[in-house]
PDB file of N, CA and C in Angstrom:
ATOM      1  N   UNK A   1     -95.664  52.212 -27.453  1.00  0.00           N
ATOM      2  CA  UNK A   1     -93.552  51.607 -27.424  1.00  0.00           C
ATOM      3  C   UNK A   1     -93.550  52.898 -26.574  1.00  0.00           C
ATOM      4  N   UNK A   2     -93.429  54.230 -26.493  1.00  0.00           N
ATOM      5  CA  UNK A   2     -93.209  55.032 -25.693  1.00  0.00           C
ATOM      6  C   UNK A   2     -93.461  54.739 -24.618  1.00  0.00           C
ATOM      7  N   UNK A   3     -94.218  54.069 -23.886  1.00  0.00           N
ATOM      8  CA  UNK A   3     -94.660  54.014 -22.555  1.00  0.00           C
ATOM      9  C   UNK A   3     -93.743  53.173 -22.162  1.00  0.00           C
ATOM     10  N   UNK A   4     -93.225  51.864 -22.912  1.00  0.00           N
ATOM     11  CA  UNK A   4     -92.315  50.861 -22.436  1.00  0.00           C
ATOM     12  C   UNK A   4     -91.136  51.606 -22.615  1.00  0.00           C
ATOM     13  N   UNK A   5     -90.743  52.297 -22.908  1.00  0.00           N
ATOM     14  CA  UNK A   5     -89.277  52.711 -22.776  1.00  0.00           C
ATOM     15  C   UNK A   5     -89.214  53.787 -21.622  1.00  0.00           C
ATOM     16  N   UNK A   6     -90.692  54.316 -20.940  1.00  0.00           N
ATOM     17  CA  UNK A   6     -90.281  55.073 -20.124  1.00  0.00           C
ATOM     18  C   UNK A   6     -90.428  54.146 -18.802  1.00  0.00           C
ATOM     19  N   UNK A   7     -91.105  53.221 -18.521  1.00  0.00           N
ATOM     20  CA  UNK A   7     -91.159  52.123 -17.412  1.00  0.00           C
ATOM     21  C   UNK A   7     -89.263  51.857 -17.136  1.00  0.00           C
ATOM     22  N   UNK A   8     -88.827  51.239 -18.306  1.00  0.00           N
ATOM     23  CA  UNK A   8     -87.384  51.034 -18.562  1.00  0.00           C
ATOM     24  C   UNK A   8     -86.653  51.787 -18.043  1.00  0.00           C
ATOM     25  N   UNK A   9     -86.551  53.492 -18.533  1.00  0.00           N
ATOM     26  CA  UNK A   9     -85.769  54.192 -17.955  1.00  0.00           C
ATOM     27  C   UNK A   9     -86.205  54.860 -16.409  1.00  0.00           C
ATOM     28  N   UNK A  10     -87.649  54.720 -15.946  1.00  0.00           N
ATOM     29  CA  UNK A  10     -88.044  54.389 -14.727  1.00  0.00           C
ATOM     30  C   UNK A  10     -87.123  53.489 -13.792  1.00  0.00           C
ATOM     31  N   UNK A  11     -87.153  52.368 -14.233  1.00  0.00           N
ATOM     32  CA  UNK A  11     -86.808  51.056 -13.623  1.00  0.00           C
ATOM     33  C   UNK A  11     -85.077  51.279 -13.442  1.00  0.00           C
ATOM     34  N   UNK A  12     -84.431  51.774 -14.787  1.00  0.00           N
ATOM     35  CA  UNK A  12     -83.418  52.038 -14.831  1.00  0.00           C
ATOM     36  C   UNK A  12     -82.654  52.788 -13.606  1.00  0.00           C
ATOM     37  N   UNK A  13     -83.151  54.217 -13.730  1.00  0.00           N
ATOM     38  CA  UNK A  13     -83.104  55.310 -12.497  1.00  0.00           C
ATOM     39  C   UNK A  13     -83.502  54.283 -11.255  1.00  0.00           C
ATOM     40  N   UNK A  14     -84.443  54.111 -10.531  1.00  0.00           N
ATOM     41  CA  UNK A  14     -84.647  53.711  -9.947  1.00  0.00           C
ATOM     42  C   UNK A  14     -83.481  52.308  -9.475  1.00  0.00           C
ATOM     43  N   UNK A  15     -83.072  51.335 -10.442  1.00  0.00           N
ATOM     44  CA  UNK A  15     -82.090  50.363  -9.672  1.00  0.00           C
ATOM     45  C   UNK A  15     -80.489  51.614  -9.509  1.00  0.00           C
ATOM     46  N   UNK A  16     -80.376  52.184 -10.436  1.00  0.00           N
ATOM     47  CA  UNK A  16     -78.994  53.141 -10.045  1.00  0.00           C
ATOM     48  C   UNK A  16     -79.255  53.648  -9.100  1.00  0.00           C
ATOM     49  N   UNK A  17     -80.267  54.587  -8.434  1.00  0.00           N
ATOM     50  CA  UNK A  17     -80.387  54.977  -6.943  1.00  0.00           C
ATOM     51  C   UNK A  17     -80.024  54.384  -6.318  1.00  0.00           C
ATOM     52  N   UNK A  18     -80.605  52.978  -6.223  1.00  0.00           N
ATOM     53  CA  UNK A  18     -80.555  51.865  -4.971  1.00  0.00           C
ATOM     54  C   UNK A  18     -79.225  51.458  -5.317  1.00  0.00           C
ATOM     55  N   UNK A  19     -78.446  51.256  -6.031  1.00  0.00           N
ATOM     56  CA  UNK A  19     -77.102  51.353  -5.866  1.00  0.00           C
ATOM     57  C   UNK A  19     -76.272  52.439  -5.462  1.00  0.00           C
ATOM     58  N   UNK A  20     -76.354  53.259  -5.700  1.00  0.00           N
ATOM     59  CA  UNK A  20     -75.623  54.680  -5.483  1.00  0.00           C
ATOM     60  C   UNK A  20     -76.167  54.610  -3.979  1.00  0.00           C
ATOM     61  N   UNK A  21     -76.995  54.156  -3.176  1.00  0.00           N
ATOM     62  CA  UNK A  21     -77.543  54.405  -1.649  1.00  0.00           C
ATOM     63  C   UNK A  21     -76.642  53.282  -1.074  1.00  0.00           C
ATOM     64  N   UNK A  22     -76.598  52.253  -1.656  1.00  0.00           N
ATOM     65  CA  UNK A  22     -75.907  51.111  -0.895  1.00  0.00           C
ATOM     66  C   UNK A  22     -74.196  51.538  -1.204  1.00  0.00           C
ATOM     67  N   UNK A  23     -73.945  51.715  -2.333  1.00  0.00           N
ATOM     68  CA  UNK A  23     -72.277  52.560  -2.132  1.00  0.00           C
ATOM     69  C   UNK A  23     -72.202  53.424  -1.065  1.00  0.00           C
ATOM     70  N   UNK A  24     -72.676  54.311  -0.897  1.00  0.00           N
ATOM     71  CA  UNK A  24     -73.110  55.368   0.320  1.00  0.00           C
ATOM     72  C   UNK A  24     -72.989  55.110   1.435  1.00  0.00           C
ATOM     73  N   UNK A  25     -74.122  53.979   1.666  1.00  0.00           N
ATOM     74  CA  UNK A  25     -74.027  53.761   3.408  1.00  0.00           C
ATOM     75  C   UNK A  25     -74.124  52.326   2.902  1.00  0.00           C
ATOM     76  N   UNK A  26     -72.861  51.283   3.223  1.00  0.00           N
ATOM     77  CA  UNK A  26     -72.950  50.152   3.138  1.00  0.00           C
ATOM     78  C   UNK A  26     -73.710  49.160   3.951  1.00  0.00           C
ATOM     79  N   UNK A  27     -74.232  50.002   5.544  1.00  0.00           N
ATOM     80  CA  UNK A  27     -74.389  49.301   6.571  1.00  0.00           C
ATOM     81  C   UNK A  27     -73.731  48.003   7.358  1.00  0.00           C
ATOM     82  N   UNK A  28     -73.749  47.946   8.704  1.00  0.00           N
ATOM     83  CA  UNK A  28     -72.712  47.188   9.232  1.00  0.00           C
ATOM     84  C   UNK A  28     -72.000  46.257   9.060  1.00  0.00           C
ATOM     85  N   UNK A  29     -70.821  45.962   9.032  1.00  0.00           N
ATOM     86  CA  UNK A  29     -70.244  44.701   8.705  1.00  0.00           C
ATOM     87  C   UNK A  29     -69.696  43.982   9.841  1.00  0.00           C
ATOM     88  N   UNK A  30     -69.911  42.640   9.720  1.00  0.00           N
ATOM     89  CA  UNK A  30     -69.422  41.601  10.647  1.00  0.00           C
ATOM     90  C   UNK A  30     -67.762  41.839  11.075  1.00  0.00           C
ATOM     91  N   UNK A  31     -67.064  42.463  10.092  1.00  0.00           N
ATOM     92  CA  UNK A  31     -65.407  42.566  10.154  1.00  0.00           C
ATOM     93  C   UNK A  31     -65.361  43.415  11.613  1.00  0.00           C
ATOM     94  N   UNK A  32     -66.385  44.852  11.136  1.00  0.00           N
ATOM     95  CA  UNK A  32     -66.107  45.979  11.783  1.00  0.00           C
ATOM     96  C   UNK A  32     -66.459  45.399  13.273  1.00  0.00           C
ATOM     97  N   UNK A  33     -67.679  44.717  13.419  1.00  0.00           N
ATOM     98  CA  UNK A  33     -68.113  44.647  14.877  1.00  0.00           C
ATOM     99  C   UNK A  33     -66.686  43.612  15.625  1.00  0.00           C
ATOM    100  N   UNK A  34     -66.594  42.666  14.551  1.00  0.00           N
ATOM    101  CA  UNK A  34     -64.975  42.016  15.287  1.00  0.00           C
ATOM    102  C   UNK A  34     -63.799  42.768  15.657  1.00  0.00           C
ATOM    103  N   UNK A  35     -63.437  43.849  14.871  1.00  0.00           N
ATOM    104  CA  UNK A  35     -62.272  44.896  15.111  1.00  0.00           C
ATOM    105  C   UNK A  35     -63.036  46.078  16.405  1.00  0.00           C
ATOM    106  N   UNK A  36     -64.294  46.289  16.858  1.00  0.00           N
ATOM    107  CA  UNK A  36     -64.376  46.748  18.124  1.00  0.00           C
ATOM    108  C   UNK A  36     -64.179  45.921  18.976  1.00  0.00           C
ATOM    109  N   UNK A  37     -64.076  44.847  18.864  1.00  0.00           N
ATOM    110  CA  UNK A  37     -64.192  43.898  20.182  1.00  0.00           C
ATOM    111  C   UNK A  37     -62.458  43.861  20.379  1.00  0.00           C
ATOM    112  N   UNK A  38     -62.115  43.630  19.152  1.00  0.00           N
ATOM    113  CA  UNK A  38     -60.628  44.118  20.106  1.00  0.00           C
ATOM    114  C   UNK A  38     -59.927  45.551  20.498  1.00  0.00           C
ATOM    115  N   UNK A  39     -60.700  46.562  19.866  1.00  0.00           N
ATOM    116  CA  UNK A  39     -60.289  47.546  20.502  1.00  0.00           C
ATOM    117  C   UNK A  39     -60.538  48.129  22.110  1.00  0.00           C
ATOM    118  N   UNK A  40     -62.169  47.284  22.230  1.00  0.00           N
ATOM    119  CA  UNK A  40     -62.489  47.538  23.418  1.00  0.00           C
ATOM    120  C   UNK A  40     -61.443  46.495  24.598  1.00  0.00           C
ATOM    121  N   UNK A  41     -61.250  45.086  23.937  1.00  0.00           N
ATOM    122  CA  UNK A  41     -60.466  44.278  24.587  1.00  0.00           C
ATOM    123  C   UNK A  41     -58.965  44.980  24.808  1.00  0.00           C
ATOM    124  N   UNK A  42     -58.089  45.671  24.165  1.00  0.00           N
ATOM    125  CA  UNK A  42     -57.404  46.519  24.310  1.00  0.00           C
ATOM    126  C   UNK A  42     -57.227  47.330  25.085  1.00  0.00           C
ATOM    127  N   UNK A  43     -58.322  48.188  24.800  1.00  0.00           N
ATOM    128  CA  UNK A  43     -58.181  49.412  25.604  1.00  0.00           C
ATOM    129  C   UNK A  43     -58.325  49.342  27.410  1.00  0.00           C
ATOM    130  N   UNK A  44     -59.174  47.862  27.192  1.00  0.00           N
ATOM    131  CA  UNK A  44     -59.117  47.534  28.727  1.00  0.00           C
ATOM    132  C   UNK A  44     -57.852  46.617  29.410  1.00  0.00           C
ATOM    133  N   UNK A  45     -57.433  46.113  28.459  1.00  0.00           N
ATOM    134  CA  UNK A  45     -55.996  45.181  29.032  1.00  0.00           C
ATOM    135  C   UNK A  45     -55.048  46.043  29.329  1.00  0.00           C
ATOM    136  N   UNK A  46     -54.696  46.821  28.556  1.00  0.00           N
ATOM    137  CA  UNK A  46     -53.444  47.867  28.546  1.00  0.00           C
ATOM    138  C   UNK A  46     -53.295  48.142  29.735  1.00  0.00           C
ATOM    139  N   UNK A  47     -54.175  49.281  29.849  1.00  0.00           N
ATOM    140  CA  UNK A  47     -53.876  49.922  31.330  1.00  0.00           C
ATOM    141  C   UNK A  47     -54.117  49.130  32.500  1.00  0.00           C
ATOM    142  N   UNK A  48     -54.708  48.091  32.341  1.00  0.00           N
ATOM    143  CA  UNK A  48     -54.848  46.579  33.614  1.00  0.00           C
ATOM    144  C   UNK A  48     -53.506  46.275  33.770  1.00  0.00           C
ATOM    145  N   UNK A  49     -52.722  45.663  32.873  1.00  0.00           N
ATOM    146  CA  UNK A  49     -51.490  45.318  32.729  1.00  0.00           C
ATOM    147  C   UNK A  49     -50.497  46.296  33.003  1.00  0.00           C
ATOM    148  N   UNK A  50     -50.327  47.507  32.398  1.00  0.00           N
ATOM    149  CA  UNK A  50     -49.830  48.637  33.102  1.00  0.00           C
ATOM    150  C   UNK A  50     -50.051  48.704  34.706  1.00  0.00           C
ATOM    151  N   UNK A  51     -51.174  49.042  35.146  1.00  0.00           N
ATOM    152  CA  UNK A  51     -51.283  49.490  36.681  1.00  0.00           C
ATOM    153  C   UNK A  51     -50.758  48.144  37.143  1.00  0.00           C
ATOM    154  N   UNK A  52     -50.823  46.981  36.832  1.00  0.00           N
ATOM    155  CA  UNK A  52     -49.941  45.691  37.378  1.00  0.00           C
ATOM    156  C   UNK A  52     -48.344  46.030  37.443  1.00  0.00           C
ATOM    157  N   UNK A  53     -47.544  46.287  36.411  1.00  0.00           N
ATOM    158  CA  UNK A  53     -46.543  46.776  36.857  1.00  0.00           C
ATOM    159  C   UNK A  53     -46.231  47.967  37.502  1.00  0.00           C
ATOM    160  N   UNK A  54     -46.829  48.641  36.895  1.00  0.00           N
ATOM    161  CA  UNK A  54     -46.641  50.111  37.971  1.00  0.00           C
ATOM    162  C   UNK A  54     -47.153  49.673  39.640  1.00  0.00           C
ATOM    163  N   UNK A  55     -48.057  48.429  40.053  1.00  0.00           N
ATOM    164  CA  UNK A  55     -48.038  48.495  41.315  1.00  0.00           C
ATOM    165  C   UNK A  55     -46.634  47.564  41.840  1.00  0.00           C
ATOM    166  N   UNK A  56     -46.379  46.762  40.864  1.00  0.00           N
ATOM    167  CA  UNK A  56     -45.327  45.935  41.370  1.00  0.00           C
ATOM    168  C   UNK A  56     -44.131  46.716  41.668  1.00  0.00           C
ATOM    169  N   UNK A  57     -44.042  47.439  40.818  1.00  0.00           N
ATOM    170  CA  UNK A  57     -42.695  48.379  40.933  1.00  0.00           C
ATOM    171  C   UNK A  57     -43.146  49.333  42.225  1.00  0.00           C
ATOM    172  N   UNK A  58     -43.973  49.885  42.757  1.00  0.00           N
ATOM    173  CA  UNK A  58     -44.763  50.584  43.740  1.00  0.00           C
ATOM    174  C   UNK A  58     -44.580  49.799  44.948  1.00  0.00           C
ATOM    175  N   UNK A  59     -44.774  48.271  45.150  1.00  0.00           N
ATOM    176  CA  UNK A  59     -44.491  47.264  46.294  1.00  0.00           C
ATOM    177  C   UNK A  59     -43.130  47.204  46.699  1.00  0.00           C
ATOM    178  N   UNK A  60     -41.966  47.014  45.498  1.00  0.00           N
ATOM    179  CA  UNK A  60     -40.433  47.137  45.920  1.00  0.00           C
ATOM    180  C   UNK A  60     -39.927  48.435  46.037  1.00  0.00           C
ATOM    181  N   UNK A  61     -40.466  49.488  45.501  1.00  0.00           N
ATOM    182  CA  UNK A  61     -40.141  51.228  46.179  1.00  0.00           C
ATOM    183  C   UNK A  61     -40.373  51.260  47.294  1.00  0.00           C
ATOM    184  N   UNK A  62     -42.080  51.584  47.511  1.00  0.00           N
ATOM    185  CA  UNK A  62     -42.561  51.788  48.619  1.00  0.00           C
ATOM    186  C   UNK A  62     -43.758  50.851  49.506  1.00  0.00           C
ATOM    187  N   UNK A  63     -43.240  49.874  50.125  1.00  0.00           N
ATOM    188  CA  UNK A  63     -43.901  49.066  50.629  1.00  0.00           C
ATOM    189  C   UNK A  63     -45.033  49.511  51.635  1.00  0.00           C
ATOM    190  N   UNK A  64     -46.053  48.892  51.169  1.00  0.00           N
ATOM    191  CA  UNK A  64     -47.041  49.526  52.699  1.00  0.00           C
ATOM    192  C   UNK A  64     -48.134  48.132  53.296  1.00  0.00           C
ATOM    193  N   UNK A  65     -48.955  48.685  54.384  1.00  0.00           N
ATOM    194  CA  UNK A  65     -49.567  47.664  54.826  1.00  0.00           C
ATOM    195  C   UNK A  65     -50.716  47.096  53.610  1.00  0.00           C
ATOM    196  N   UNK A  66     -50.879  47.741  52.426  1.00  0.00           N
ATOM    197  CA  UNK A  66     -51.654  46.666  51.556  1.00  0.00           C
ATOM    198  C   UNK A  66     -50.736  46.545  50.184  1.00  0.00           C
ATOM    199  N   UNK A  67     -51.221  46.161  49.473  1.00  0.00           N
ATOM    200  CA  UNK A  67     -50.687  45.853  48.324  1.00  0.00           C
ATOM    201  C   UNK A  67     -50.622  46.577  47.002  1.00  0.00           C
ATOM    202  N   UNK A  68     -49.933  47.476  46.819  1.00  0.00           N
ATOM    203  CA  UNK A  68     -50.234  48.322  45.726  1.00  0.00           C
ATOM    204  C   UNK A  68     -50.342  47.983  44.405  1.00  0.00           C
ATOM    205  N   UNK A  69     -50.075  46.644  43.989  1.00  0.00           N
ATOM    206  CA  UNK A  69     -50.105  45.684  42.676  1.00  0.00           C
ATOM    207  C   UNK A  69     -51.709  45.710  42.935  1.00  0.00           C
ATOM    208  N   UNK A  70     -52.298  45.338  43.943  1.00  0.00           N
ATOM    209  CA  UNK A  70     -54.112  44.934  43.666  1.00  0.00           C
ATOM    210  C   UNK A  70     -54.270  46.229  43.359  1.00  0.00           C
ATOM    211  N   UNK A  71     -54.176  47.419  43.903  1.00  0.00           N
ATOM    212  CA  UNK A  71     -54.784  48.628  43.990  1.00  0.00           C
ATOM    213  C   UNK A  71     -54.380  49.024  42.370  1.00  0.00           C
ATOM    214  N   UNK A  72     -53.152  49.277  42.061  1.00  0.00           N
ATOM    215  CA  UNK A  72     -53.051  49.569  40.390  1.00  0.00           C
ATOM    216  C   UNK A  72     -54.127  48.545  39.752  1.00  0.00           C
ATOM    217  N   UNK A  73     -54.143  47.402  39.413  1.00  0.00           N
ATOM    218  CA  UNK A  73     -55.013  46.608  38.928  1.00  0.00           C
ATOM    219  C   UNK A  73     -56.035  47.165  39.175  1.00  0.00           C
ATOM    220  N   UNK A  74     -56.735  47.245  39.895  1.00  0.00           N
ATOM    221  CA  UNK A  74     -58.178  47.687  39.423  1.00  0.00           C
ATOM    222  C   UNK A  74     -58.539  48.950  39.088  1.00  0.00           C
ATOM    223  N   UNK A  75     -57.294  49.796  39.439  1.00  0.00           N
ATOM    224  CA  UNK A  75     -57.294  51.279  39.152  1.00  0.00           C
ATOM    225  C   UNK A  75     -57.261  51.228  37.650  1.00  0.00           C
ATOM    226  N   UNK A  76     -56.450  50.619  36.896  1.00  0.00           N
ATOM    227  CA  UNK A  76     -55.878  50.431  35.383  1.00  0.00           C
ATOM    228  C   UNK A  76     -57.265  49.742  35.101  1.00  0.00           C
ATOM    229  N   UNK A  77     -58.249  48.691  35.446  1.00  0.00           N
ATOM    230  CA  UNK A  77     -59.696  48.432  34.827  1.00  0.00           C
ATOM    231  C   UNK A  77     -60.498  49.060  34.781  1.00  0.00           C
ATOM    232  N   UNK A  78     -60.474  50.126  35.902  1.00  0.00           N
ATOM    233  CA  UNK A  78     -61.432  51.251  35.561  1.00  0.00           C
ATOM    234  C   UNK A  78     -61.111  52.387  34.885  1.00  0.00           C
ATOM    235  N   UNK A  79     -59.872  52.930  34.256  1.00  0.00           N
ATOM    236  CA  UNK A  79     -59.551  53.854  33.584  1.00  0.00           C
ATOM    237  C   UNK A  79     -59.575  52.451  32.644  1.00  0.00           C
ATOM    238  N   UNK A  80     -59.407  51.831  32.063  1.00  0.00           N
ATOM    239  CA  UNK A  80     -59.497  50.926  30.682  1.00  0.00           C
ATOM    240  C   UNK A  80     -61.452  50.532  30.263  1.00  0.00           C
ATOM    241  N   UNK A  81     -62.261  50.653  31.474  1.00  0.00           N
ATOM    242  CA  UNK A  81     -63.141  50.413  31.365  1.00  0.00           C
ATOM    243  C   UNK A  81     -64.146  51.795  30.887  1.00  0.00           C
ATOM    244  N   UNK A  82     -63.369  53.184  31.427  1.00  0.00           N
ATOM    245  CA  UNK A  82     -63.623  54.262  31.149  1.00  0.00           C
ATOM    246  C   UNK A  82     -63.561  54.708  29.709  1.00  0.00           C
ATOM    247  N   UNK A  83     -62.044  54.024  28.802  1.00  0.00           N
ATOM    248  CA  UNK A  83     -61.894  54.242  27.742  1.00  0.00           C
ATOM    249  C   UNK A  83     -62.493  53.648  26.860  1.00  0.00           C
ATOM    250  N   UNK A  84     -62.962  52.370  26.846  1.00  0.00           N
ATOM    251  CA  UNK A  84     -63.408  51.365  26.321  1.00  0.00           C
ATOM    252  C   UNK A  84     -64.937  52.268  26.070  1.00  0.00           C
ATOM    253  N   UNK A  85     -65.743  52.474  27.447  1.00  0.00           N
ATOM    254  CA  UNK A  85     -67.099  53.171  27.524  1.00  0.00           C
ATOM    255  C   UNK A  85     -66.894  54.678  26.530  1.00  0.00           C
ATOM    256  N   UNK A  86     -65.924  55.429  26.856  1.00  0.00           N
ATOM    257  CA  UNK A  86     -65.946  56.370  25.717  1.00  0.00           C
ATOM    258  C   UNK A  86     -66.155  56.176  24.240  1.00  0.00           C
ATOM    259  N   UNK A  87     -65.064  55.104  23.790  1.00  0.00           N
ATOM    260  CA  UNK A  87     -64.850  54.935  22.304  1.00  0.00           C
ATOM    261  C   UNK A  87     -66.014  54.070  21.636  1.00  0.00           C
ATOM    262  N   UNK A  88     -66.805  53.285  22.867  1.00  0.00           N
ATOM    263  CA  UNK A  88     -68.320  53.009  22.363  1.00  0.00           C
ATOM    264  C   UNK A  88     -69.141  53.867  22.059  1.00  0.00           C
ATOM    265  N   UNK A  89     -69.181  55.161  23.386  1.00  0.00           N
ATOM    266  CA  UNK A  89     -70.140  56.174  23.320  1.00  0.00           C
ATOM    267  C   UNK A  89     -69.742  56.890  22.022  1.00  0.00           C
ATOM    268  N   UNK A  90     -68.874  57.256  21.345  1.00  0.00           N
ATOM    269  CA  UNK A  90     -68.630  58.030  20.164  1.00  0.00           C
ATOM    270  C   UNK A  90     -68.766  57.100  19.014  1.00  0.00           C
ATOM    271  N   UNK A  91     -68.454  55.798  19.088  1.00  0.00           N
ATOM    272  CA  UNK A  91     -68.823  55.132  17.656  1.00  0.00           C
ATOM    273  C   UNK A  91     -70.145  55.390  17.747  1.00  0.00           C
ATOM    274  N   UNK A  92     -71.030  55.166  18.490  1.00  0.00           N
ATOM    275  CA  UNK A  92     -72.462  54.906  18.602  1.00  0.00           C
ATOM    276  C   UNK A  92     -72.771  56.457  17.671  1.00  0.00           C
ATOM    277  N   UNK A  93     -72.478  57.270  18.398  1.00  0.00           N
ATOM    278  CA  UNK A  93     -73.164  58.607  17.929  1.00  0.00           C
ATOM    279  C   UNK A  93     -72.133  58.896  16.312  1.00  0.00           C
ATOM    280  N   UNK A  94     -71.314  58.223  15.509  1.00  0.00           N
ATOM    281  CA  UNK A  94     -70.855  58.389  14.501  1.00  0.00           C
ATOM    282  C   UNK A  94     -71.398  58.043  13.245  1.00  0.00           C
TER     283      UNK A  94
END
């Protein structure tokens, strides 16, 4: 009879340990992945659109032989890509 109680106690202990581990580290969530796509998208889109508006303003204020709008869109795209890359790198380490 005592051996049976020991087995039950061991099983209960293992179950409790497994449940506690699942609560402490729930693992990857599909919603978190969708949220990451959103953050990455906004971190690229906002600087790109900001660069477009800045370029339009510069084209009206200081006209040049080249178009400021194209240059600022590309600059915003590069800045956004760097921000997204830094965010992904930080999340990957965390």
